[in-house]
Amino acid sequence: METSLGLFLLSVIGISLTGAMLPGPMTAATIAKGYGSKNAGALIAVGHGVIELPLIAAIYLGVGHFLGLPLVVSIIYIAGGVALFYLWFPNVSHCQ
């Protein structure tokens, strides 16, 4: 299946806009740090880009096919269950 680069870039812009429009931790950090430094916004954007660019590359390269393999799905399910248990157990162990 051939993918158009223009369609891909349009998708990236759309996904990025939905993340930028929602207030969240990035917005809070930008506002909080923006008072102390005039370069804070640019530094936060660069830091965010360091995380986003590999994810965009993974989407473009078709990592979704790999993530759809039954073995990989099972590993993700097990890792998610372990993470939930790790977060749940300390909270429940303090209950009387």
PDB file of N, CA and C in Angstrom:
ATOM      1  N   MET A   1       0.839  -1.172   0.000  1.00  0.00           N
ATOM      2  CA  MET A   1       0.000   0.000   0.000  1.00  0.00           C
ATOM      3  C   MET A   1       0.886   1.238   0.000  1.00  0.00           C
ATOM      4  N   GLU A   2       0.707   2.092  -0.985  1.00  0.00           N
ATOM      5  CA  GLU A   2       1.525   3.288  -1.108  1.00  0.00           C
ATOM      6  C   GLU A   2       0.902   4.430  -0.317  1.00  0.00           C
ATOM      7  N   THR A   3       1.729   5.135   0.432  1.00  0.00           N
ATOM      8  CA  THR A   3       1.246   6.230   1.264  1.00  0.00           C
ATOM      9  C   THR A   3       1.743   7.550   0.702  1.00  0.00           C
ATOM     10  N   SER A   4       0.867   8.514   0.618  1.00  0.00           N
ATOM     11  CA  SER A   4       1.230   9.840   0.147  1.00  0.00           C
ATOM     12  C   SER A   4       1.903  10.613   1.277  1.00  0.00           C
ATOM     13  N   LEU A   5       3.036  11.236   0.976  1.00  0.00           N
ATOM     14  CA  LEU A   5       3.750  12.016   1.980  1.00  0.00           C
ATOM     15  C   LEU A   5       2.914  13.206   2.431  1.00  0.00           C
ATOM     16  N   GLY A   6       2.179  13.813   1.515  1.00  0.00           N
ATOM     17  CA  GLY A   6       1.316  14.938   1.872  1.00  0.00           C
ATOM     18  C   GLY A   6       0.238  14.538   2.856  1.00  0.00           C
ATOM     19  N   LEU A   7      -0.376  13.384   2.628  1.00  0.00           N
ATOM     20  CA  LEU A   7      -1.405  12.891   3.543  1.00  0.00           C
ATOM     21  C   LEU A   7      -0.804  12.587   4.910  1.00  0.00           C
ATOM     22  N   PHE A   8       0.399  12.016   4.905  1.00  0.00           N
ATOM     23  CA  PHE A   8       1.086  11.731   6.163  1.00  0.00           C
ATOM     24  C   PHE A   8       1.358  13.018   6.938  1.00  0.00           C
ATOM     25  N   LEU A   9       1.891  14.033   6.250  1.00  0.00           N
ATOM     26  CA  LEU A   9       2.188  15.301   6.923  1.00  0.00           C
ATOM     27  C   LEU A   9       0.919  15.970   7.426  1.00  0.00           C
ATOM     28  N   LEU A  10      -0.158  15.874   6.661  1.00  0.00           N
ATOM     29  CA  LEU A  10      -1.434  16.430   7.103  1.00  0.00           C
ATOM     30  C   LEU A  10      -1.919  15.717   8.365  1.00  0.00           C
ATOM     31  N   SER A  11      -1.734  14.409   8.419  1.00  0.00           N
ATOM     32  CA  SER A  11      -2.112  13.641   9.610  1.00  0.00           C
ATOM     33  C   SER A  11      -1.275  14.061  10.816  1.00  0.00           C
ATOM     34  N   VAL A  12       0.021  14.252  10.607  1.00  0.00           N
ATOM     35  CA  VAL A  12       0.905  14.678  11.695  1.00  0.00           C
ATOM     36  C   VAL A  12       0.475  16.042  12.221  1.00  0.00           C
ATOM     37  N   ILE A  13       0.156  16.961  11.316  1.00  0.00           N
ATOM     38  CA  ILE A  13      -0.286  18.296  11.732  1.00  0.00           C
ATOM     39  C   ILE A  13      -1.589  18.195  12.517  1.00  0.00           C
ATOM     40  N   GLY A  14      -2.526  17.389  12.038  1.00  0.00           N
ATOM     41  CA  GLY A  14      -3.804  17.226  12.733  1.00  0.00           C
ATOM     42  C   GLY A  14      -3.645  16.642  14.116  1.00  0.00           C
ATOM     43  N   ILE A  15      -2.817  15.618  14.225  1.00  0.00           N
ATOM     44  CA  ILE A  15      -2.579  14.992  15.529  1.00  0.00           C
ATOM     45  C   ILE A  15      -1.877  15.975  16.465  1.00  0.00           C
ATOM     46  N   SER A  16      -0.920  16.713  15.941  1.00  0.00           N
ATOM     47  CA  SER A  16      -0.198  17.691  16.760  1.00  0.00           C
ATOM     48  C   SER A  16      -1.118  18.796  17.251  1.00  0.00           C
ATOM     49  N   LEU A  17      -2.028  19.247  16.394  1.00  0.00           N
ATOM     50  CA  LEU A  17      -2.952  20.304  16.802  1.00  0.00           C
ATOM     51  C   LEU A  17      -3.886  19.835  17.910  1.00  0.00           C
ATOM     52  N   THR A  18      -4.342  18.599  17.835  1.00  0.00           N
ATOM     53  CA  THR A  18      -5.237  18.119  18.888  1.00  0.00           C
ATOM     54  C   THR A  18      -4.513  18.069  20.222  1.00  0.00           C
ATOM     55  N   GLY A  19      -3.234  17.739  20.218  1.00  0.00           N
ATOM     56  CA  GLY A  19      -2.463  17.747  21.452  1.00  0.00           C
ATOM     57  C   GLY A  19      -2.189  19.151  21.950  1.00  0.00           C
ATOM     58  N   ALA A  20      -2.001  20.091  21.037  1.00  0.00           N
ATOM     59  CA  ALA A  20      -1.690  21.466  21.431  1.00  0.00           C
ATOM     60  C   ALA A  20      -2.920  22.205  21.940  1.00  0.00           C
ATOM     61  N   MET A  21      -4.094  21.823  21.480  1.00  0.00           N
ATOM     62  CA  MET A  21      -5.304  22.529  21.879  1.00  0.00           C
ATOM     63  C   MET A  21      -5.780  22.134  23.273  1.00  0.00           C
ATOM     64  N   LEU A  22      -5.403  20.966  23.733  1.00  0.00           N
ATOM     65  CA  LEU A  22      -5.853  20.503  25.044  1.00  0.00           C
ATOM     66  C   LEU A  22      -4.884  20.962  26.126  1.00  0.00           C
ATOM     67  N   PRO A  23      -5.379  21.660  27.140  1.00  0.00           N
ATOM     68  CA  PRO A  23      -4.469  22.037  28.225  1.00  0.00           C
ATOM     69  C   PRO A  23      -4.071  20.795  29.010  1.00  0.00           C
ATOM     70  N   GLY A  24      -2.828  20.741  29.367  1.00  0.00           N
ATOM     71  CA  GLY A  24      -2.336  19.584  30.100  1.00  0.00           C
ATOM     72  C   GLY A  24      -0.992  19.891  30.720  1.00  0.00           C
ATOM     73  N   PRO A  25      -0.204  18.864  30.995  1.00  0.00           N
ATOM     74  CA  PRO A  25       1.076  19.063  31.669  1.00  0.00           C
ATOM     75  C   PRO A  25       2.047  19.941  30.879  1.00  0.00           C
ATOM     76  N   MET A  26       2.044  19.798  29.543  1.00  0.00           N
ATOM     77  CA  MET A  26       2.945  20.631  28.739  1.00  0.00           C
ATOM     78  C   MET A  26       2.565  22.100  28.843  1.00  0.00           C
ATOM     79  N   THR A  27       1.279  22.380  28.792  1.00  0.00           N
ATOM     80  CA  THR A  27       0.819  23.764  28.913  1.00  0.00           C
ATOM     81  C   THR A  27       1.153  24.315  30.293  1.00  0.00           C
ATOM     82  N   ALA A  28       0.911  23.518  31.321  1.00  0.00           N
ATOM     83  CA  ALA A  28       1.199  23.956  32.689  1.00  0.00           C
ATOM     84  C   ALA A  28       2.693  24.220  32.878  1.00  0.00           C
ATOM     85  N   ALA A  29       3.535  23.344  32.347  1.00  0.00           N
ATOM     86  CA  ALA A  29       4.981  23.536  32.473  1.00  0.00           C
ATOM     87  C   ALA A  29       5.435  24.777  31.718  1.00  0.00           C
ATOM     88  N   THR A  30       4.874  24.999  30.551  1.00  0.00           N
ATOM     89  CA  THR A  30       5.244  26.175  29.763  1.00  0.00           C
ATOM     90  C   THR A  30       4.854  27.460  30.479  1.00  0.00           C
ATOM     91  N   ILE A  31       3.665  27.488  31.045  1.00  0.00           N
ATOM     92  CA  ILE A  31       3.216  28.680  31.775  1.00  0.00           C
ATOM     93  C   ILE A  31       4.064  28.889  33.027  1.00  0.00           C
ATOM     94  N   ALA A  32       4.301  27.816  33.781  1.00  0.00           N
ATOM     95  CA  ALA A  32       5.057  27.932  35.029  1.00  0.00           C
ATOM     96  C   ALA A  32       6.498  28.368  34.781  1.00  0.00           C
ATOM     97  N   LYS A  33       7.140  27.767  33.799  1.00  0.00           N
ATOM     98  CA  LYS A  33       8.545  28.085  33.531  1.00  0.00           C
ATOM     99  C   LYS A  33       8.695  29.368  32.717  1.00  0.00           C
ATOM    100  N   GLY A  34       7.653  29.751  31.999  1.00  0.00           N
ATOM    101  CA  GLY A  34       7.712  30.944  31.161  1.00  0.00           C
ATOM    102  C   GLY A  34       7.903  32.220  31.946  1.00  0.00           C
ATOM    103  N   TYR A  35       7.455  32.243  33.183  1.00  0.00           N
ATOM    104  CA  TYR A  35       7.635  33.425  34.021  1.00  0.00           C
ATOM    105  C   TYR A  35       9.100  33.623  34.398  1.00  0.00           C
ATOM    106  N   GLY A  36       9.838  32.548  34.519  1.00  0.00           N
ATOM    107  CA  GLY A  36      11.222  32.645  34.972  1.00  0.00           C
ATOM    108  C   GLY A  36      12.249  32.791  33.867  1.00  0.00           C
ATOM    109  N   SER A  37      11.935  32.359  32.666  1.00  0.00           N
ATOM    110  CA  SER A  37      12.915  32.380  31.586  1.00  0.00           C
ATOM    111  C   SER A  37      12.230  32.666  30.261  1.00  0.00           C
ATOM    112  N   LYS A  38      12.839  33.540  29.471  1.00  0.00           N
ATOM    113  CA  LYS A  38      12.243  33.850  28.172  1.00  0.00           C
ATOM    114  C   LYS A  38      12.463  32.727  27.159  1.00  0.00           C
ATOM    115  N   ASN A  39      13.386  31.825  27.432  1.00  0.00           N
ATOM    116  CA  ASN A  39      13.663  30.704  26.530  1.00  0.00           C
ATOM    117  C   ASN A  39      12.942  29.424  26.937  1.00  0.00           C
ATOM    118  N   ALA A  40      12.158  29.471  27.986  1.00  0.00           N
ATOM    119  CA  ALA A  40      11.529  28.258  28.513  1.00  0.00           C
ATOM    120  C   ALA A  40      10.616  27.602  27.485  1.00  0.00           C
ATOM    121  N   GLY A  41       9.820  28.387  26.786  1.00  0.00           N
ATOM    122  CA  GLY A  41       8.903  27.821  25.796  1.00  0.00           C
ATOM    123  C   GLY A  41       9.631  27.079  24.696  1.00  0.00           C
ATOM    124  N   ALA A  42      10.711  27.673  24.193  1.00  0.00           N
ATOM    125  CA  ALA A  42      11.490  27.029  23.134  1.00  0.00           C
ATOM    126  C   ALA A  42      12.139  25.745  23.639  1.00  0.00           C
ATOM    127  N   LEU A  43      12.669  25.785  24.851  1.00  0.00           N
ATOM    128  CA  LEU A  43      13.310  24.589  25.407  1.00  0.00           C
ATOM    129  C   LEU A  43      12.302  23.469  25.647  1.00  0.00           C
ATOM    130  N   ILE A  44      11.123  23.822  26.107  1.00  0.00           N
ATOM    131  CA  ILE A  44      10.081  22.815  26.316  1.00  0.00           C
ATOM    132  C   ILE A  44       9.647  22.227  24.978  1.00  0.00           C
ATOM    133  N   ALA A  45       9.530  23.065  23.953  1.00  0.00           N
ATOM    134  CA  ALA A  45       9.151  22.581  22.623  1.00  0.00           C
ATOM    135  C   ALA A  45      10.203  21.638  22.057  1.00  0.00           C
ATOM    136  N   VAL A  46      11.480  21.965  22.243  1.00  0.00           N
ATOM    137  CA  VAL A  46      12.555  21.085  21.768  1.00  0.00           C
ATOM    138  C   VAL A  46      12.521  19.756  22.521  1.00  0.00           C
ATOM    139  N   GLY A  47      12.338  19.818  23.828  1.00  0.00           N
ATOM    140  CA  GLY A  47      12.249  18.589  24.616  1.00  0.00           C
ATOM    141  C   GLY A  47      11.081  17.721  24.197  1.00  0.00           C
ATOM    142  N   HIS A  48       9.958  18.358  23.893  1.00  0.00           N
ATOM    143  CA  HIS A  48       8.789  17.616  23.426  1.00  0.00           C
ATOM    144  C   HIS A  48       9.059  17.005  22.051  1.00  0.00           C
ATOM    145  N   GLY A  49       9.758  17.751  21.200  1.00  0.00           N
ATOM    146  CA  GLY A  49      10.092  17.241  19.870  1.00  0.00           C
ATOM    147  C   GLY A  49      11.007  16.033  19.915  1.00  0.00           C
ATOM    148  N   VAL A  50      11.889  15.997  20.908  1.00  0.00           N
ATOM    149  CA  VAL A  50      12.793  14.851  21.062  1.00  0.00           C
ATOM    150  C   VAL A  50      11.993  13.569  21.270  1.00  0.00           C
ATOM    151  N   ILE A  51      10.857  13.673  21.937  1.00  0.00           N
ATOM    152  CA  ILE A  51       9.994  12.513  22.157  1.00  0.00           C
ATOM    153  C   ILE A  51       9.106  12.254  20.938  1.00  0.00           C
ATOM    154  N   GLU A  52       8.572  13.306  20.346  1.00  0.00           N
ATOM    155  CA  GLU A  52       7.607  13.163  19.254  1.00  0.00           C
ATOM    156  C   GLU A  52       8.228  12.644  17.957  1.00  0.00           C
ATOM    157  N   LEU A  53       9.406  13.117  17.597  1.00  0.00           N
ATOM    158  CA  LEU A  53       9.991  12.739  16.310  1.00  0.00           C
ATOM    159  C   LEU A  53      10.203  11.230  16.159  1.00  0.00           C
ATOM    160  N   PRO A  54      10.745  10.530  17.157  1.00  0.00           N
ATOM    161  CA  PRO A  54      10.848   9.074  17.000  1.00  0.00           C
ATOM    162  C   PRO A  54       9.479   8.389  16.884  1.00  0.00           C
ATOM    163  N   LEU A  55       8.469   8.913  17.579  1.00  0.00           N
ATOM    164  CA  LEU A  55       7.132   8.332  17.465  1.00  0.00           C
ATOM    165  C   LEU A  55       6.559   8.541  16.071  1.00  0.00           C
ATOM    166  N   ILE A  56       6.754   9.726  15.512  1.00  0.00           N
ATOM    167  CA  ILE A  56       6.286  10.004  14.154  1.00  0.00           C
ATOM    168  C   ILE A  56       7.011   9.104  13.162  1.00  0.00           C
ATOM    169  N   ALA A  57       8.320   8.934  13.339  1.00  0.00           N
ATOM    170  CA  ALA A  57       9.089   8.052  12.459  1.00  0.00           C
ATOM    171  C   ALA A  57       8.597   6.613  12.572  1.00  0.00           C
ATOM    172  N   ALA A  58       8.283   6.172  13.782  1.00  0.00           N
ATOM    173  CA  ALA A  58       7.783   4.806  13.978  1.00  0.00           C
ATOM    174  C   ALA A  58       6.448   4.611  13.269  1.00  0.00           C
ATOM    175  N   ILE A  59       5.574   5.614  13.354  1.00  0.00           N
ATOM    176  CA  ILE A  59       4.288   5.526  12.656  1.00  0.00           C
ATOM    177  C   ILE A  59       4.519   5.449  11.157  1.00  0.00           C
ATOM    178  N   TYR A  60       5.405   6.287  10.646  1.00  0.00           N
ATOM    179  CA  TYR A  60       5.674   6.328   9.211  1.00  0.00           C
ATOM    180  C   TYR A  60       6.284   5.019   8.720  1.00  0.00           C
ATOM    181  N   LEU A  61       7.135   4.421   9.526  1.00  0.00           N
ATOM    182  CA  LEU A  61       7.810   3.191   9.124  1.00  0.00           C
ATOM    183  C   LEU A  61       6.942   1.948   9.302  1.00  0.00           C
ATOM    184  N   GLY A  62       5.754   2.101   9.846  1.00  0.00           N
ATOM    185  CA  GLY A  62       4.828   0.983   9.928  1.00  0.00           C
ATOM    186  C   GLY A  62       5.001   0.089  11.136  1.00  0.00           C
ATOM    187  N   VAL A  63       5.353   0.639  12.259  1.00  0.00           N
ATOM    188  CA  VAL A  63       5.529  -0.151  13.473  1.00  0.00           C
ATOM    189  C   VAL A  63       4.199  -0.765  13.913  1.00  0.00           C
ATOM    190  N   GLY A  64       3.092  -0.203  13.435  1.00  0.00           N
ATOM    191  CA  GLY A  64       1.774  -0.736  13.778  1.00  0.00           C
ATOM    192  C   GLY A  64       1.615  -2.197  13.389  1.00  0.00           C
ATOM    193  N   HIS A  65       2.230  -2.590  12.277  1.00  0.00           N
ATOM    194  CA  HIS A  65       2.154  -4.001  11.872  1.00  0.00           C
ATOM    195  C   HIS A  65       2.852  -4.891  12.896  1.00  0.00           C
ATOM    196  N   PHE A  66       3.997  -4.427  13.399  1.00  0.00           N
ATOM    197  CA  PHE A  66       4.729  -5.175  14.421  1.00  0.00           C
ATOM    198  C   PHE A  66       3.921  -5.254  15.710  1.00  0.00           C
ATOM    199  N   LEU A  67       3.301  -4.133  16.092  1.00  0.00           N
ATOM    200  CA  LEU A  67       2.526  -4.108  17.328  1.00  0.00           C
ATOM    201  C   LEU A  67       1.257  -4.947  17.239  1.00  0.00           C
ATOM    202  N   GLY A  68       0.846  -5.304  16.036  1.00  0.00           N
ATOM    203  CA  GLY A  68      -0.339  -6.128  15.854  1.00  0.00           C
ATOM    204  C   GLY A  68      -0.071  -7.627  15.922  1.00  0.00           C
ATOM    205  N   LEU A  69       1.192  -8.022  15.997  1.00  0.00           N
ATOM    206  CA  LEU A  69       1.516  -9.446  16.091  1.00  0.00           C
ATOM    207  C   LEU A  69       0.996 -10.007  17.411  1.00  0.00           C
ATOM    208  N   PRO A  70       0.426 -11.218  17.386  1.00  0.00           N
ATOM    209  CA  PRO A  70      -0.165 -11.787  18.602  1.00  0.00           C
ATOM    210  C   PRO A  70       0.806 -11.866  19.785  1.00  0.00           C
ATOM    211  N   LEU A  71       2.053 -12.233  19.541  1.00  0.00           N
ATOM    212  CA  LEU A  71       3.025 -12.318  20.633  1.00  0.00           C
ATOM    213  C   LEU A  71       3.276 -10.942  21.242  1.00  0.00           C
ATOM    214  N   VAL A  72       3.411  -9.935  20.411  1.00  0.00           N
ATOM    215  CA  VAL A  72       3.663  -8.575  20.901  1.00  0.00           C
ATOM    216  C   VAL A  72       2.458  -8.063  21.680  1.00  0.00           C
ATOM    217  N   VAL A  73       1.255  -8.339  21.188  1.00  0.00           N
ATOM    218  CA  VAL A  73       0.038  -7.925  21.892  1.00  0.00           C
ATOM    219  C   VAL A  73      -0.017  -8.586  23.264  1.00  0.00           C
ATOM    220  N   SER A  74       0.316  -9.860  23.337  1.00  0.00           N
ATOM    221  CA  SER A  74       0.316 -10.563  24.624  1.00  0.00           C
ATOM    222  C   SER A  74       1.325  -9.958  25.593  1.00  0.00           C
ATOM    223  N   ILE A  75       2.508  -9.624  25.096  1.00  0.00           N
ATOM    224  CA  ILE A  75       3.530  -9.010  25.950  1.00  0.00           C
ATOM    225  C   ILE A  75       3.053  -7.652  26.464  1.00  0.00           C
ATOM    226  N   ILE A  76       2.401  -6.875  25.603  1.00  0.00           N
ATOM    227  CA  ILE A  76       1.874  -5.569  26.018  1.00  0.00           C
ATOM    228  C   ILE A  76       0.801  -5.749  27.084  1.00  0.00           C
ATOM    229  N   TYR A  77      -0.090  -6.727  26.899  1.00  0.00           N
ATOM    230  CA  TYR A  77      -1.138  -6.991  27.897  1.00  0.00           C
ATOM    231  C   TYR A  77      -0.526  -7.360  29.246  1.00  0.00           C
ATOM    232  N   ILE A  78       0.456  -8.247  29.228  1.00  0.00           N
ATOM    233  CA  ILE A  78       1.087  -8.690  30.475  1.00  0.00           C
ATOM    234  C   ILE A  78       1.822  -7.528  31.140  1.00  0.00           C
ATOM    235  N   ALA A  79       2.557  -6.744  30.357  1.00  0.00           N
ATOM    236  CA  ALA A  79       3.274  -5.592  30.919  1.00  0.00           C
ATOM    237  C   ALA A  79       2.296  -4.582  31.509  1.00  0.00           C
ATOM    238  N   GLY A  80       1.167  -4.367  30.858  1.00  0.00           N
ATOM    239  CA  GLY A  80       0.151  -3.457  31.385  1.00  0.00           C
ATOM    240  C   GLY A  80      -0.436  -3.966  32.685  1.00  0.00           C
ATOM    241  N   GLY A  81      -0.693  -5.266  32.762  1.00  0.00           N
ATOM    242  CA  GLY A  81      -1.213  -5.856  33.992  1.00  0.00           C
ATOM    243  C   GLY A  81      -0.225  -5.750  35.138  1.00  0.00           C
ATOM    244  N   VAL A  82       1.044  -5.988  34.846  1.00  0.00           N
ATOM    245  CA  VAL A  82       2.083  -5.859  35.874  1.00  0.00           C
ATOM    246  C   VAL A  82       2.177  -4.411  36.346  1.00  0.00           C
ATOM    247  N   ALA A  83       2.100  -3.464  35.423  1.00  0.00           N
ATOM    248  CA  ALA A  83       2.164  -2.044  35.792  1.00  0.00           C
ATOM    249  C   ALA A  83       0.976  -1.654  36.664  1.00  0.00           C
ATOM    250  N   LEU A  84      -0.215  -2.120  36.314  1.00  0.00           N
ATOM    251  CA  LEU A  84      -1.392  -1.823  37.129  1.00  0.00           C
ATOM    252  C   LEU A  84      -1.265  -2.423  38.526  1.00  0.00           C
ATOM    253  N   PHE A  85      -0.772  -3.653  38.609  1.00  0.00           N
ATOM    254  CA  PHE A  85      -0.572  -4.286  39.913  1.00  0.00           C
ATOM    255  C   PHE A  85       0.458  -3.512  40.727  1.00  0.00           C
ATOM    256  N   TYR A  86       1.525  -3.069  40.078  1.00  0.00           N
ATOM    257  CA  TYR A  86       2.577  -2.297  40.745  1.00  0.00           C
ATOM    258  C   TYR A  86       2.016  -0.998  41.320  1.00  0.00           C
ATOM    259  N   LEU A  87       1.102  -0.368  40.610  1.00  0.00           N
ATOM    260  CA  LEU A  87       0.490   0.864  41.104  1.00  0.00           C
ATOM    261  C   LEU A  87      -0.586   0.588  42.155  1.00  0.00           C
ATOM    262  N   TRP A  88      -1.268  -0.550  42.039  1.00  0.00           N
ATOM    263  CA  TRP A  88      -2.379  -0.879  42.932  1.00  0.00           C
ATOM    264  C   TRP A  88      -1.899  -1.375  44.287  1.00  0.00           C
ATOM    265  N   PHE A  89      -0.912  -2.259  44.303  1.00  0.00           N
ATOM    266  CA  PHE A  89      -0.534  -2.965  45.523  1.00  0.00           C
ATOM    267  C   PHE A  89      -0.111  -2.044  46.664  1.00  0.00           C
ATOM    268  N   PRO A  90       0.763  -1.060  46.456  1.00  0.00           N
ATOM    269  CA  PRO A  90       1.139  -0.193  47.591  1.00  0.00           C
ATOM    270  C   PRO A  90      -0.052   0.563  48.181  1.00  0.00           C
ATOM    271  N   ASN A  91      -1.011   0.920  47.366  1.00  0.00           N
ATOM    272  CA  ASN A  91      -2.183   1.639  47.868  1.00  0.00           C
ATOM    273  C   ASN A  91      -3.075   0.739  48.709  1.00  0.00           C
ATOM    274  N   VAL A  92      -3.250  -0.488  48.296  1.00  0.00           N
ATOM    275  CA  VAL A  92      -4.124  -1.413  49.009  1.00  0.00           C
ATOM    276  C   VAL A  92      -3.443  -1.937  50.270  1.00  0.00           C
ATOM    277  N   SER A  93      -2.141  -2.082  50.254  1.00  0.00           N
ATOM    278  CA  SER A  93      -1.441  -2.628  51.421  1.00  0.00           C
ATOM    279  C   SER A  93      -1.509  -1.686  52.626  1.00  0.00           C
ATOM    280  N   HIS A  94      -1.792  -0.408  52.404  1.00  0.00           N
ATOM    281  CA  HIS A  94      -1.919   0.548  53.508  1.00  0.00           C
ATOM    282  C   HIS A  94      -3.337   0.600  54.067  1.00  0.00           C
ATOM    283  N   CYS A  95      -4.274  -0.029  53.400  1.00  0.00           N
ATOM    284  CA  CYS A  95      -5.664  -0.029  53.885  1.00  0.00           C
ATOM    285  C   CYS A  95      -5.790  -0.971  55.079  1.00  0.00           C
ATOM    286  N   GLN A  96      -6.735  -0.654  55.954  1.00  0.00           N
ATOM    287  CA  GLN A  96      -6.926  -1.502  57.132  1.00  0.00           C
ATOM    288  C   GLN A  96      -8.058  -2.458  56.926  1.00  0.00           C
TER     289      GLN A  96
END
